[in-house]
C-alpha atoms as a PDB file:
ATOM      1  CA  UNK A   1      -4.809  18.351  13.415  1.00  0.00           C
ATOM      2  CA  UNK A   2      -5.778  19.374  16.898  1.00  0.00           C
ATOM      3  CA  UNK A   3      -3.779  19.428  20.143  1.00  0.00           C
ATOM      4  CA  UNK A   4      -5.650  16.334  21.277  1.00  0.00           C
ATOM      5  CA  UNK A   5      -3.471  14.155  19.106  1.00  0.00           C
ATOM      6  CA  UNK A   6      -3.194  12.967  15.531  1.00  0.00           C
ATOM      7  CA  UNK A   7      -6.142  11.622  13.583  1.00  0.00           C
ATOM      8  CA  UNK A   8      -5.695   8.267  11.827  1.00  0.00           C
ATOM      9  CA  UNK A   9      -7.933   7.188   8.943  1.00  0.00           C
ATOM     10  CA  UNK A  10      -8.632   3.520   8.302  1.00  0.00           C
ATOM     11  CA  UNK A  11      -9.961   2.027   5.071  1.00  0.00           C
ATOM     12  CA  UNK A  12     -11.642  -1.352   4.687  1.00  0.00           C
ATOM     13  CA  UNK A  13     -14.203  -3.543   2.992  1.00  0.00           C
ATOM     14  CA  UNK A  14     -17.949  -3.028   3.007  1.00  0.00           C
ATOM     15  CA  UNK A  15     -20.778  -5.388   2.086  1.00  0.00           C
ATOM     16  CA  UNK A  16     -20.128  -4.755  -1.631  1.00  0.00           C
ATOM     17  CA  UNK A  17     -16.889  -6.831  -1.180  1.00  0.00           C
ATOM     18  CA  UNK A  18     -18.098  -9.246   1.496  1.00  0.00           C
ATOM     19  CA  UNK A  19     -16.796  -6.958   4.243  1.00  0.00           C
ATOM     20  CA  UNK A  20     -18.541  -5.675   7.388  1.00  0.00           C
ATOM     21  CA  UNK A  21     -17.504  -2.040   7.402  1.00  0.00           C
ATOM     22  CA  UNK A  22     -19.484   1.088   6.315  1.00  0.00           C
ATOM     23  CA  UNK A  23     -16.635   3.161   4.901  1.00  0.00           C
ATOM     24  CA  UNK A  24     -13.684   5.173   6.230  1.00  0.00           C
ATOM     25  CA  UNK A  25     -13.148   5.075  10.007  1.00  0.00           C
ATOM     26  CA  UNK A  26     -11.274   7.685  12.043  1.00  0.00           C
ATOM     27  CA  UNK A  27      -9.351   7.224  15.325  1.00  0.00           C
ATOM     28  CA  UNK A  28      -7.387   9.702  17.447  1.00  0.00           C
ATOM     29  CA  UNK A  29      -3.769   8.808  18.176  1.00  0.00           C
ATOM     30  CA  UNK A  30      -2.168   9.820  21.473  1.00  0.00           C
ATOM     31  CA  UNK A  31       1.292  10.942  20.469  1.00  0.00           C
ATOM     32  CA  UNK A  32       2.762  10.104  23.844  1.00  0.00           C
ATOM     33  CA  UNK A  33       1.464   6.515  24.278  1.00  0.00           C
ATOM     34  CA  UNK A  34       0.523   5.648  20.668  1.00  0.00           C
ATOM     35  CA  UNK A  35      -2.908   4.545  21.815  1.00  0.00           C
ATOM     36  CA  UNK A  36      -5.904   4.885  19.406  1.00  0.00           C
ATOM     37  CA  UNK A  37      -9.328   6.088  20.364  1.00  0.00           C
ATOM     38  CA  UNK A  38     -12.037   5.251  17.736  1.00  0.00           C
ATOM     39  CA  UNK A  39     -14.088   8.196  16.452  1.00  0.00           C
ATOM     40  CA  UNK A  40     -16.427   6.191  14.239  1.00  0.00           C
ATOM     41  CA  UNK A  41     -17.201   6.209  10.484  1.00  0.00           C
ATOM     42  CA  UNK A  42     -16.364   9.585   8.871  1.00  0.00           C
ATOM     43  CA  UNK A  43     -17.230   8.717   5.306  1.00  0.00           C
ATOM     44  CA  UNK A  44     -19.820   6.160   4.103  1.00  0.00           C
ATOM     45  CA  UNK A  45     -18.379   4.805   0.825  1.00  0.00           C
ATOM     46  CA  UNK A  46     -18.089   1.411  -0.828  1.00  0.00           C
ATOM     47  CA  UNK A  47     -14.994  -0.647  -0.070  1.00  0.00           C
ATOM     48  CA  UNK A  48     -12.362   2.075   0.431  1.00  0.00           C
ATOM     49  CA  UNK A  49      -9.620  -0.570   0.564  1.00  0.00           C
ATOM     50  CA  UNK A  50      -6.633   1.756   0.185  1.00  0.00           C
ATOM     51  CA  UNK A  51      -6.157   5.353   1.258  1.00  0.00           C
ATOM     52  CA  UNK A  52      -3.559   8.085   0.549  1.00  0.00           C
ATOM     53  CA  UNK A  53      -3.167  11.736   1.370  1.00  0.00           C
ATOM     54  CA  UNK A  54      -2.208  14.695  -0.824  1.00  0.00           C
ATOM     55  CA  UNK A  55       1.364  15.812  -0.180  1.00  0.00           C
ATOM     56  CA  UNK A  56       0.415  19.450   0.538  1.00  0.00           C
ATOM     57  CA  UNK A  57      -3.359  19.778   0.783  1.00  0.00           C
ATOM     58  CA  UNK A  58      -5.707  18.463   3.473  1.00  0.00           C
ATOM     59  CA  UNK A  59      -7.195  15.910   1.012  1.00  0.00           C
ATOM     60  CA  UNK A  60      -7.694  12.187   1.391  1.00  0.00           C
ATOM     61  CA  UNK A  61      -8.189   9.738  -1.528  1.00  0.00           C
ATOM     62  CA  UNK A  62      -9.521   6.223  -1.603  1.00  0.00           C
ATOM     63  CA  UNK A  63     -10.008   3.528  -4.167  1.00  0.00           C
ATOM     64  CA  UNK A  64     -13.485   2.036  -4.294  1.00  0.00           C
ATOM     65  CA  UNK A  65     -12.607  -1.600  -4.962  1.00  0.00           C
ATOM     66  CA  UNK A  66     -15.726  -2.473  -7.042  1.00  0.00           C
ATOM     67  CA  UNK A  67     -16.422  -4.271 -10.350  1.00  0.00           C
ATOM     68  CA  UNK A  68     -16.660  -0.753 -11.861  1.00  0.00           C
ATOM     69  CA  UNK A  69     -13.858   0.883 -10.052  1.00  0.00           C
ATOM     70  CA  UNK A  70     -13.758   4.399  -8.676  1.00  0.00           C
ATOM     71  CA  UNK A  71     -11.502   6.788  -6.823  1.00  0.00           C
ATOM     72  CA  UNK A  72     -12.996   9.176  -4.296  1.00  0.00           C
ATOM     73  CA  UNK A  73     -11.631  12.376  -2.665  1.00  0.00           C
ATOM     74  CA  UNK A  74     -12.444  14.231   0.535  1.00  0.00           C
ATOM     75  CA  UNK A  75     -11.303  17.389   2.245  1.00  0.00           C
ATOM     76  CA  UNK A  76      -9.996  16.543   5.755  1.00  0.00           C
ATOM     77  CA  UNK A  77     -11.472  18.649   8.589  1.00  0.00           C
ATOM     78  CA  UNK A  78      -9.603  19.606  11.777  1.00  0.00           C
ATOM     79  CA  UNK A  79     -11.033  16.633  13.710  1.00  0.00           C
ATOM     80  CA  UNK A  80     -10.671  14.108  10.916  1.00  0.00           C
ATOM     81  CA  UNK A  81     -14.087  14.639   9.420  1.00  0.00           C
ATOM     82  CA  UNK A  82     -14.347  14.239   5.669  1.00  0.00           C
ATOM     83  CA  UNK A  83     -16.171  16.449   3.128  1.00  0.00           C
ATOM     84  CA  UNK A  84     -16.660  14.961  -0.317  1.00  0.00           C
ATOM     85  CA  UNK A  85     -14.651  16.618  -3.136  1.00  0.00           C
ATOM     86  CA  UNK A  86     -15.401  14.290  -6.057  1.00  0.00           C
ATOM     87  CA  UNK A  87     -15.080  10.913  -7.669  1.00  0.00           C
ATOM     88  CA  UNK A  88     -13.716   9.435 -10.842  1.00  0.00           C
ATOM     89  CA  UNK A  89     -14.125   6.172 -12.799  1.00  0.00           C
ATOM     90  CA  UNK A  90     -10.880   4.194 -12.970  1.00  0.00           C
ATOM     91  CA  UNK A  91     -11.827   2.456 -16.223  1.00  0.00           C
ATOM     92  CA  UNK A  92     -11.190  -0.950 -14.776  1.00  0.00           C
ATOM     93  CA  UNK A  93     -12.362  -3.416 -12.146  1.00  0.00           C
ATOM     94  CA  UNK A  94     -11.352  -3.627  -8.512  1.00  0.00           C
ATOM     95  CA  UNK A  95      -8.829  -0.842  -8.018  1.00  0.00           C
ATOM     96  CA  UNK A  96      -6.750  -1.833  -5.001  1.00  0.00           C
ATOM     97  CA  UNK A  97      -4.033   0.816  -4.724  1.00  0.00           C
ATOM     98  CA  UNK A  98      -3.391   4.478  -5.459  1.00  0.00           C
ATOM     99  CA  UNK A  99      -0.784   7.205  -5.026  1.00  0.00           C
ATOM    100  CA  UNK A 100      -0.411  10.944  -5.568  1.00  0.00           C
ATOM    101  CA  UNK A 101       2.655  12.114  -7.484  1.00  0.00           C
ATOM    102  CA  UNK A 102       5.139  14.088  -5.371  1.00  0.00           C
ATOM    103  CA  UNK A 103       4.247  17.327  -7.144  1.00  0.00           C
ATOM    104  CA  UNK A 104       0.599  16.870  -6.143  1.00  0.00           C
ATOM    105  CA  UNK A 105      -0.676  17.189  -9.696  1.00  0.00           C
ATOM    106  CA  UNK A 106      -1.816  13.698 -10.481  1.00  0.00           C
ATOM    107  CA  UNK A 107      -3.516  10.695  -8.835  1.00  0.00           C
ATOM    108  CA  UNK A 108      -2.606   7.248 -10.117  1.00  0.00           C
ATOM    109  CA  UNK A 109      -4.578   4.083  -9.436  1.00  0.00           C
ATOM    110  CA  UNK A 110      -3.952   0.372 -10.006  1.00  0.00           C
ATOM    111  CA  UNK A 111      -6.913  -1.699 -11.253  1.00  0.00           C
ATOM    112  CA  UNK A 112      -6.369  -5.220  -9.997  1.00  0.00           C
ATOM    113  CA  UNK A 113      -9.305  -6.815 -11.805  1.00  0.00           C
ATOM    114  CA  UNK A 114      -8.746  -4.741 -14.943  1.00  0.00           C
ATOM    115  CA  UNK A 115      -4.951  -5.190 -15.048  1.00  0.00           C
ATOM    116  CA  UNK A 116      -4.558  -1.496 -15.819  1.00  0.00           C
ATOM    117  CA  UNK A 117      -3.298   1.835 -14.559  1.00  0.00           C
ATOM    118  CA  UNK A 118      -5.445   4.998 -14.452  1.00  0.00           C
ATOM    119  CA  UNK A 119      -4.248   8.589 -14.181  1.00  0.00           C
ATOM    120  CA  UNK A 120      -6.268  11.568 -12.927  1.00  0.00           C
ATOM    121  CA  UNK A 121      -5.232  15.250 -13.034  1.00  0.00           C
ATOM    122  CA  UNK A 122      -5.897  17.043  -9.764  1.00  0.00           C
ATOM    123  CA  UNK A 123      -7.259  20.579  -9.684  1.00  0.00           C
ATOM    124  CA  UNK A 124      -6.181  23.345  -7.305  1.00  0.00           C
ATOM    125  CA  UNK A 125      -8.376  22.005  -4.529  1.00  0.00           C
ATOM    126  CA  UNK A 126      -7.030  18.488  -4.933  1.00  0.00           C
ATOM    127  CA  UNK A 127     -10.163  17.090  -6.636  1.00  0.00           C
ATOM    128  CA  UNK A 128      -9.733  14.536  -9.433  1.00  0.00           C
ATOM    129  CA  UNK A 129     -10.624  15.817 -12.893  1.00  0.00           C
ATOM    130  CA  UNK A 130     -11.460  13.522 -15.811  1.00  0.00           C
ATOM    131  CA  UNK A 131      -9.145  10.586 -16.361  1.00  0.00           C
ATOM    132  CA  UNK A 132      -6.122  11.569 -18.527  1.00  0.00           C
ATOM    133  CA  UNK A 133      -4.809   8.089 -19.290  1.00  0.00           C
ATOM    134  CA  UNK A 134      -5.516   4.384 -18.947  1.00  0.00           C
ATOM    135  CA  UNK A 135      -2.831   1.840 -19.719  1.00  0.00           C
ATOM    136  CA  UNK A 136      -3.826  -1.832 -19.916  1.00  0.00           C
ATOM    137  CA  UNK A 137      -1.222  -4.512 -19.184  1.00  0.00           C
ATOM    138  CA  UNK A 138      -1.026  -7.867 -20.926  1.00  0.00           C
ATOM    139  CA  UNK A 139       0.627 -11.133 -19.890  1.00  0.00           C
ATOM    140  CA  UNK A 140       0.051 -13.941 -17.385  1.00  0.00           C
ATOM    141  CA  UNK A 141       1.913 -16.247 -15.034  1.00  0.00           C
ATOM    142  CA  UNK A 142       1.959 -19.978 -14.296  1.00  0.00           C
ATOM    143  CA  UNK A 143      -0.760 -19.855 -11.579  1.00  0.00           C
ATOM    144  CA  UNK A 144      -4.010 -20.576 -13.464  1.00  0.00           C
ATOM    145  CA  UNK A 145      -6.210 -19.099 -10.733  1.00  0.00           C
ATOM    146  CA  UNK A 146      -4.323 -15.920  -9.747  1.00  0.00           C
ATOM    147  CA  UNK A 147      -2.247 -15.235 -12.851  1.00  0.00           C
ATOM    148  CA  UNK A 148      -4.650 -15.932 -15.696  1.00  0.00           C
ATOM    149  CA  UNK A 149      -4.148 -12.340 -16.823  1.00  0.00           C
ATOM    150  CA  UNK A 150      -2.544  -9.136 -15.748  1.00  0.00           C
ATOM    151  CA  UNK A 151      -3.447  -7.798 -12.251  1.00  0.00           C
ATOM    152  CA  UNK A 152      -1.928  -4.443 -11.398  1.00  0.00           C
ATOM    153  CA  UNK A 153      -1.520  -4.314  -7.640  1.00  0.00           C
ATOM    154  CA  UNK A 154       0.536  -1.238  -6.736  1.00  0.00           C
ATOM    155  CA  UNK A 155       1.599   2.093  -8.128  1.00  0.00           C
ATOM    156  CA  UNK A 156       4.774   3.704  -6.746  1.00  0.00           C
ATOM    157  CA  UNK A 157       5.786   7.203  -7.940  1.00  0.00           C
ATOM    158  CA  UNK A 158       9.465   8.086  -7.531  1.00  0.00           C
ATOM    159  CA  UNK A 159       9.955  10.821  -4.832  1.00  0.00           C
ATOM    160  CA  UNK A 160      13.000  12.060  -6.818  1.00  0.00           C
ATOM    161  CA  UNK A 161      11.351  12.294 -10.207  1.00  0.00           C
ATOM    162  CA  UNK A 162      12.411   8.979 -11.686  1.00  0.00           C
ATOM    163  CA  UNK A 163      10.044   6.443 -13.253  1.00  0.00           C
ATOM    164  CA  UNK A 164       6.738   5.418 -11.731  1.00  0.00           C
ATOM    165  CA  UNK A 165       6.702   1.705 -10.995  1.00  0.00           C
ATOM    166  CA  UNK A 166       3.650  -0.453 -11.383  1.00  0.00           C
ATOM    167  CA  UNK A 167       3.711  -3.880  -9.731  1.00  0.00           C
ATOM    168  CA  UNK A 168       1.657  -6.516 -11.557  1.00  0.00           C
ATOM    169  CA  UNK A 169       0.850  -9.722  -9.704  1.00  0.00           C
ATOM    170  CA  UNK A 170      -0.675 -11.472 -12.741  1.00  0.00           C
ATOM    171  CA  UNK A 171       2.058 -10.709 -15.225  1.00  0.00           C
ATOM    172  CA  UNK A 172       5.017 -11.403 -12.814  1.00  0.00           C
ATOM    173  CA  UNK A 173       6.411  -7.955 -13.678  1.00  0.00           C
ATOM    174  CA  UNK A 174       7.265  -4.470 -12.500  1.00  0.00           C
ATOM    175  CA  UNK A 175       6.593  -1.872 -15.207  1.00  0.00           C
ATOM    176  CA  UNK A 176       8.260   1.502 -15.372  1.00  0.00           C
ATOM    177  CA  UNK A 177       6.560   4.607 -16.741  1.00  0.00           C
ATOM    178  CA  UNK A 178       7.333   8.273 -17.286  1.00  0.00           C
ATOM    179  CA  UNK A 179       4.328  10.513 -16.431  1.00  0.00           C
ATOM    180  CA  UNK A 180       4.075  13.730 -18.426  1.00  0.00           C
ATOM    181  CA  UNK A 181       3.146  16.409 -15.830  1.00  0.00           C
ATOM    182  CA  UNK A 182       1.361  18.453 -18.458  1.00  0.00           C
ATOM    183  CA  UNK A 183      -0.677  15.908 -20.382  1.00  0.00           C
ATOM    184  CA  UNK A 184      -1.065  13.261 -17.633  1.00  0.00           C
ATOM    185  CA  UNK A 185      -0.069  10.558 -20.064  1.00  0.00           C
ATOM    186  CA  UNK A 186       2.124   7.535 -19.273  1.00  0.00           C
ATOM    187  CA  UNK A 187       5.059   6.507 -21.516  1.00  0.00           C
ATOM    188  CA  UNK A 188       6.299   2.996 -20.857  1.00  0.00           C
ATOM    189  CA  UNK A 189       9.964   2.325 -20.252  1.00  0.00           C
ATOM    190  CA  UNK A 190      11.202  -0.850 -21.835  1.00  0.00           C
ATOM    191  CA  UNK A 191      11.900  -3.532 -21.005  1.00  0.00           C
ATOM    192  CA  UNK A 192       9.782  -4.179 -17.887  1.00  0.00           C
ATOM    193  CA  UNK A 193      11.408  -6.155 -15.098  1.00  0.00           C
ATOM    194  CA  UNK A 194      10.194  -9.737 -15.077  1.00  0.00           C
ATOM    195  CA  UNK A 195      10.288 -11.679 -11.840  1.00  0.00           C
ATOM    196  CA  UNK A 196      10.699 -15.385 -11.359  1.00  0.00           C
ATOM    197  CA  UNK A 197       7.542 -17.104 -12.769  1.00  0.00           C
ATOM    198  CA  UNK A 198       4.956 -17.584 -10.103  1.00  0.00           C
ATOM    199  CA  UNK A 199       6.235 -14.784  -7.800  1.00  0.00           C
ATOM    200  CA  UNK A 200       2.966 -12.929  -7.899  1.00  0.00           C
ATOM    201  CA  UNK A 201       4.569  -9.531  -6.975  1.00  0.00           C
ATOM    202  CA  UNK A 202       2.260  -7.524  -4.768  1.00  0.00           C
ATOM    203  CA  UNK A 203       3.983  -4.414  -3.314  1.00  0.00           C
ATOM    204  CA  UNK A 204       7.448  -2.878  -3.297  1.00  0.00           C
ATOM    205  CA  UNK A 205       9.339  -0.740  -0.826  1.00  0.00           C
ATOM    206  CA  UNK A 206      11.904   1.889  -1.809  1.00  0.00           C
ATOM    207  CA  UNK A 207      14.954   2.419   0.412  1.00  0.00           C
ATOM    208  CA  UNK A 208      15.692   6.088   1.192  1.00  0.00           C
ATOM    209  CA  UNK A 209      19.058   5.762  -0.478  1.00  0.00           C
ATOM    210  CA  UNK A 210      17.298   5.521  -3.861  1.00  0.00           C
ATOM    211  CA  UNK A 211      19.434   2.495  -4.875  1.00  0.00           C
ATOM    212  CA  UNK A 212      17.641  -0.419  -3.158  1.00  0.00           C
ATOM    213  CA  UNK A 213      14.163  -1.657  -3.748  1.00  0.00           C
ATOM    214  CA  UNK A 214      12.432  -4.634  -2.094  1.00  0.00           C
ATOM    215  CA  UNK A 215       9.583  -6.552  -3.764  1.00  0.00           C
ATOM    216  CA  UNK A 216       7.281  -8.914  -1.940  1.00  0.00           C
ATOM    217  CA  UNK A 217       5.681 -11.907  -3.711  1.00  0.00           C
ATOM    218  CA  UNK A 218       2.174 -12.765  -2.651  1.00  0.00           C
ATOM    219  CA  UNK A 219       2.294 -16.198  -4.406  1.00  0.00           C
ATOM    220  CA  UNK A 220       5.881 -17.292  -3.716  1.00  0.00           C
ATOM    221  CA  UNK A 221       5.989 -16.060  -0.169  1.00  0.00           C
ATOM    222  CA  UNK A 222       9.365 -14.387  -0.695  1.00  0.00           C
ATOM    223  CA  UNK A 223      11.144 -11.015  -0.725  1.00  0.00           C
ATOM    224  CA  UNK A 224      13.148 -10.154  -3.797  1.00  0.00           C
ATOM    225  CA  UNK A 225      15.985  -7.630  -3.373  1.00  0.00           C
ATOM    226  CA  UNK A 226      16.392  -5.330  -6.352  1.00  0.00           C
ATOM    227  CA  UNK A 227      19.126  -2.879  -7.267  1.00  0.00           C
ATOM    228  CA  UNK A 228      18.046   0.329  -9.017  1.00  0.00           C
ATOM    229  CA  UNK A 229      20.432   2.068 -11.397  1.00  0.00           C
ATOM    230  CA  UNK A 230      20.659   5.771 -12.098  1.00  0.00           C
ATOM    231  CA  UNK A 231      18.108   5.592 -14.870  1.00  0.00           C
ATOM    232  CA  UNK A 232      15.592   3.748 -12.701  1.00  0.00           C
ATOM    233  CA  UNK A 233      16.066   0.240 -14.222  1.00  0.00           C
ATOM    234  CA  UNK A 234      15.727  -2.622 -11.741  1.00  0.00           C
ATOM    235  CA  UNK A 235      17.996  -5.657 -11.438  1.00  0.00           C
ATOM    236  CA  UNK A 236      17.282  -8.661  -9.220  1.00  0.00           C
ATOM    237  CA  UNK A 237      19.857  -9.501  -6.562  1.00  0.00           C
ATOM    238  CA  UNK A 238      18.261 -12.538  -4.964  1.00  0.00           C
ATOM    239  CA  UNK A 239      15.308 -13.785  -2.962  1.00  0.00           C
ATOM    240  CA  UNK A 240      14.723 -14.763   0.688  1.00  0.00           C
ATOM    241  CA  UNK A 241      11.621 -16.196   2.390  1.00  0.00           C
ATOM    242  CA  UNK A 242       9.214 -13.619   3.710  1.00  0.00           C
ATOM    243  CA  UNK A 243       8.683 -15.652   6.863  1.00  0.00           C
ATOM    244  CA  UNK A 244      10.508 -18.173   8.989  1.00  0.00           C
ATOM    245  CA  UNK A 245       7.255 -19.900  10.003  1.00  0.00           C
ATOM    246  CA  UNK A 246       5.789 -23.084   8.513  1.00  0.00           C
ATOM    247  CA  UNK A 247       2.388 -23.164   6.946  1.00  0.00           C
ATOM    248  CA  UNK A 248       0.614 -21.008   4.402  1.00  0.00           C
ATOM    249  CA  UNK A 249       2.421 -17.684   4.006  1.00  0.00           C
ATOM    250  CA  UNK A 250       0.789 -14.995   1.876  1.00  0.00           C
ATOM    251  CA  UNK A 251       2.650 -11.678   2.318  1.00  0.00           C
ATOM    252  CA  UNK A 252       0.799  -8.392   2.051  1.00  0.00           C
ATOM    253  CA  UNK A 253       2.530  -5.110   2.952  1.00  0.00           C
ATOM    254  CA  UNK A 254       6.258  -4.365   2.819  1.00  0.00           C
ATOM    255  CA  UNK A 255       8.019  -1.229   4.036  1.00  0.00           C
ATOM    256  CA  UNK A 256      11.454   0.069   5.064  1.00  0.00           C
ATOM    257  CA  UNK A 257      11.541   1.370   8.635  1.00  0.00           C
ATOM    258  CA  UNK A 258      12.007   5.115   9.367  1.00  0.00           C
ATOM    259  CA  UNK A 259      15.737   4.862   9.913  1.00  0.00           C
ATOM    260  CA  UNK A 260      16.426   2.739   6.811  1.00  0.00           C
ATOM    261  CA  UNK A 261      17.962  -0.129   8.831  1.00  0.00           C
ATOM    262  CA  UNK A 262      15.190  -2.627   8.860  1.00  0.00           C
ATOM    263  CA  UNK A 263      12.647  -4.028   6.398  1.00  0.00           C
ATOM    264  CA  UNK A 264       9.170  -5.128   7.558  1.00  0.00           C
ATOM    265  CA  UNK A 265       6.805  -7.603   5.948  1.00  0.00           C
ATOM    266  CA  UNK A 266       3.292  -8.534   7.065  1.00  0.00           C
ATOM    267  CA  UNK A 267       2.491 -12.211   6.532  1.00  0.00           C
ATOM    268  CA  UNK A 268      -1.066 -13.417   6.197  1.00  0.00           C
ATOM    269  CA  UNK A 269      -1.870 -16.974   7.002  1.00  0.00           C
ATOM    270  CA  UNK A 270       0.736 -17.245   9.758  1.00  0.00           C
ATOM    271  CA  UNK A 271      -0.255 -13.853  11.219  1.00  0.00           C
ATOM    272  CA  UNK A 272       3.211 -12.315  11.713  1.00  0.00           C
ATOM    273  CA  UNK A 273       5.251  -9.194  11.137  1.00  0.00           C
ATOM    274  CA  UNK A 274       8.753 -10.231   9.972  1.00  0.00           C
ATOM    275  CA  UNK A 275      11.747  -7.893  10.590  1.00  0.00           C
ATOM    276  CA  UNK A 276      14.775  -8.037   8.290  1.00  0.00           C
ATOM    277  CA  UNK A 277      18.179  -6.389   8.643  1.00  0.00           C
ATOM    278  CA  UNK A 278      19.125  -4.800   5.319  1.00  0.00           C
ATOM    279  CA  UNK A 279      22.782  -3.917   5.782  1.00  0.00           C
ATOM    280  CA  UNK A 280      23.842  -6.653   3.362  1.00  0.00           C
ATOM    281  CA  UNK A 281      23.049  -7.506  -0.266  1.00  0.00           C
ATOM    282  CA  UNK A 282      20.032  -9.630   0.796  1.00  0.00           C
ATOM    283  CA  UNK A 283      17.664  -9.072   3.704  1.00  0.00           C
ATOM    284  CA  UNK A 284      18.328 -11.118   6.765  1.00  0.00           C
ATOM    285  CA  UNK A 285      15.519 -12.235   9.069  1.00  0.00           C
ATOM    286  CA  UNK A 286      16.201 -11.032  12.656  1.00  0.00           C
ATOM    287  CA  UNK A 287      12.817 -11.316  14.266  1.00  0.00           C
ATOM    288  CA  UNK A 288       9.192 -12.397  13.590  1.00  0.00           C
ATOM    289  CA  UNK A 289       6.403 -11.167  15.807  1.00  0.00           C
ATOM    290  CA  UNK A 290       2.888 -12.547  16.213  1.00  0.00           C
ATOM    291  CA  UNK A 291       0.353  -9.914  15.347  1.00  0.00           C
ATOM    292  CA  UNK A 292      -2.560 -11.352  17.281  1.00  0.00           C
ATOM    293  CA  UNK A 293      -4.564 -12.085  14.126  1.00  0.00           C
ATOM    294  CA  UNK A 294      -4.380 -14.310  11.084  1.00  0.00           C
ATOM    295  CA  UNK A 295      -4.623 -11.802   8.261  1.00  0.00           C
ATOM    296  CA  UNK A 296      -2.397  -8.738   8.701  1.00  0.00           C
ATOM    297  CA  UNK A 297      -3.245  -6.716   5.563  1.00  0.00           C
ATOM    298  CA  UNK A 298      -1.421  -3.418   5.975  1.00  0.00           C
ATOM    299  CA  UNK A 299       0.647  -1.342   8.384  1.00  0.00           C
ATOM    300  CA  UNK A 300       1.922   2.187   8.661  1.00  0.00           C
ATOM    301  CA  UNK A 301       4.414   4.193  10.785  1.00  0.00           C
ATOM    302  CA  UNK A 302       4.301   7.252  12.985  1.00  0.00           C
ATOM    303  CA  UNK A 303       7.662   7.768  14.634  1.00  0.00           C
ATOM    304  CA  UNK A 304       8.408   4.702  16.796  1.00  0.00           C
ATOM    305  CA  UNK A 305       4.818   3.471  16.584  1.00  0.00           C
ATOM    306  CA  UNK A 306       3.608   0.995  13.972  1.00  0.00           C
ATOM    307  CA  UNK A 307      -0.104   0.463  13.329  1.00  0.00           C
ATOM    308  CA  UNK A 308      -1.295  -2.782  11.739  1.00  0.00           C
ATOM    309  CA  UNK A 309      -4.653  -3.585  10.222  1.00  0.00           C
ATOM    310  CA  UNK A 310      -5.817  -7.228  10.430  1.00  0.00           C
ATOM    311  CA  UNK A 311      -8.658  -7.642   7.973  1.00  0.00           C
ATOM    312  CA  UNK A 312     -10.119 -10.871   9.258  1.00  0.00           C
ATOM    313  CA  UNK A 313      -9.612 -10.199  12.988  1.00  0.00           C
ATOM    314  CA  UNK A 314     -11.508  -6.854  12.615  1.00  0.00           C
ATOM    315  CA  UNK A 315      -8.831  -4.909  14.450  1.00  0.00           C
ATOM    316  CA  UNK A 316      -6.069  -2.352  14.240  1.00  0.00           C
ATOM    317  CA  UNK A 317      -3.172  -2.917  16.647  1.00  0.00           C
ATOM    318  CA  UNK A 318      -0.441  -0.595  17.790  1.00  0.00           C
ATOM    319  CA  UNK A 319       3.215  -1.664  18.192  1.00  0.00           C
ATOM    320  CA  UNK A 320       6.088   0.275  19.689  1.00  0.00           C
ATOM    321  CA  UNK A 321       9.295  -0.422  17.791  1.00  0.00           C
ATOM    322  CA  UNK A 322      12.707  -0.599  19.509  1.00  0.00           C
ATOM    323  CA  UNK A 323      14.901   1.649  17.305  1.00  0.00           C
ATOM    324  CA  UNK A 324      18.043  -0.340  18.163  1.00  0.00           C
ATOM    325  CA  UNK A 325      16.772  -3.807  17.369  1.00  0.00           C
ATOM    326  CA  UNK A 326      13.947  -2.939  15.035  1.00  0.00           C
ATOM    327  CA  UNK A 327      11.677  -5.359  16.906  1.00  0.00           C
ATOM    328  CA  UNK A 328       8.006  -4.267  17.438  1.00  0.00           C
ATOM    329  CA  UNK A 329       6.251  -4.973  20.711  1.00  0.00           C
ATOM    330  CA  UNK A 330       2.410  -4.841  21.105  1.00  0.00           C
ATOM    331  CA  UNK A 331       1.315  -1.590  22.835  1.00  0.00           C
ATOM    332  CA  UNK A 332      -2.091  -1.762  24.547  1.00  0.00           C
ATOM    333  CA  UNK A 333      -5.172  -3.558  23.363  1.00  0.00           C
ATOM    334  CA  UNK A 334      -6.287  -3.856  19.755  1.00  0.00           C
ATOM    335  CA  UNK A 335      -8.890  -1.359  18.540  1.00  0.00           C
ATOM    336  CA  UNK A 336     -12.012  -3.010  16.971  1.00  0.00           C
ATOM    337  CA  UNK A 337     -12.482  -1.928  13.315  1.00  0.00           C
ATOM    338  CA  UNK A 338     -14.645  -3.844  10.868  1.00  0.00           C
ATOM    339  CA  UNK A 339     -12.739  -5.457   7.902  1.00  0.00           C
ATOM    340  CA  UNK A 340      -9.797  -3.010   7.953  1.00  0.00           C
ATOM    341  CA  UNK A 341      -7.363  -3.108   5.042  1.00  0.00           C
ATOM    342  CA  UNK A 342      -5.374   0.155   5.236  1.00  0.00           C
ATOM    343  CA  UNK A 343      -4.094   2.468   7.872  1.00  0.00           C
ATOM    344  CA  UNK A 344      -3.327   6.149   6.925  1.00  0.00           C
ATOM    345  CA  UNK A 345      -1.307   8.255   9.341  1.00  0.00           C
END
């Protein structure tokens, strides 16, 4: 990026998904203060609800969360501008999450509506080629409205070459896959890990030690601690509430902090960011901070700064995190962004 600071890209919902945005928005981050300065819409595209970046190339990817799902790719310019590289059909409805494998050779997307996982080889420029695989999940949970069928919600490649995890809200499961780097095909590992019925698992967070994994349930409002063995199999250790507040709690994002000492969970409904100490077998709630909105959808880190997107409050807010206590404090005023759902730093 330039010496004026880092450029942040923000995804969100457009009118195709009852949102108010136009596409991907950029903002410049002041590395000293953490403050964001909006730069406007840099890519007009339908409902880019989740964004990722290539590990080595200046390329940004988005899901287009539509009834006929797509992934889109752009080359990132020096000031955050985006030049289209290509698109691909995900083979399923409403893709809501995607990730690039650590070797930079494949893009993987989760189709929420389709209950499936799509794989795309990437060429030398980082553009997606034709889809190399599509795996459709089966199964359902006890919630008749949200778990009537499988709903893949997150894909998580292993940074150390182990299995790729796919979190499925509808099937109450986390699936493990081996991805063939040559063919781009997925081979399932069996058995999949089944959560407590009605958990509605949404996202997971890997601890840097490679042994601990934390899974957040959108429907049960809880965090499940998992132990990962040397082969990548997951075993449940126990569950704790995702929030200490009363009322409707619908967790969204979960992440381990940069130092590996604290776990963070965004809670929609009560509008909080919960902080957990993770030095024991189960996470322990140590703080819960009001975000200033009702629907914190996603957050991301840059050093001591945490940036949180509140979808319904139409804002992105910066927090400065105390490295000793792990507690975030609001920094400056929120930045207006229409229907934001993802922050990419």
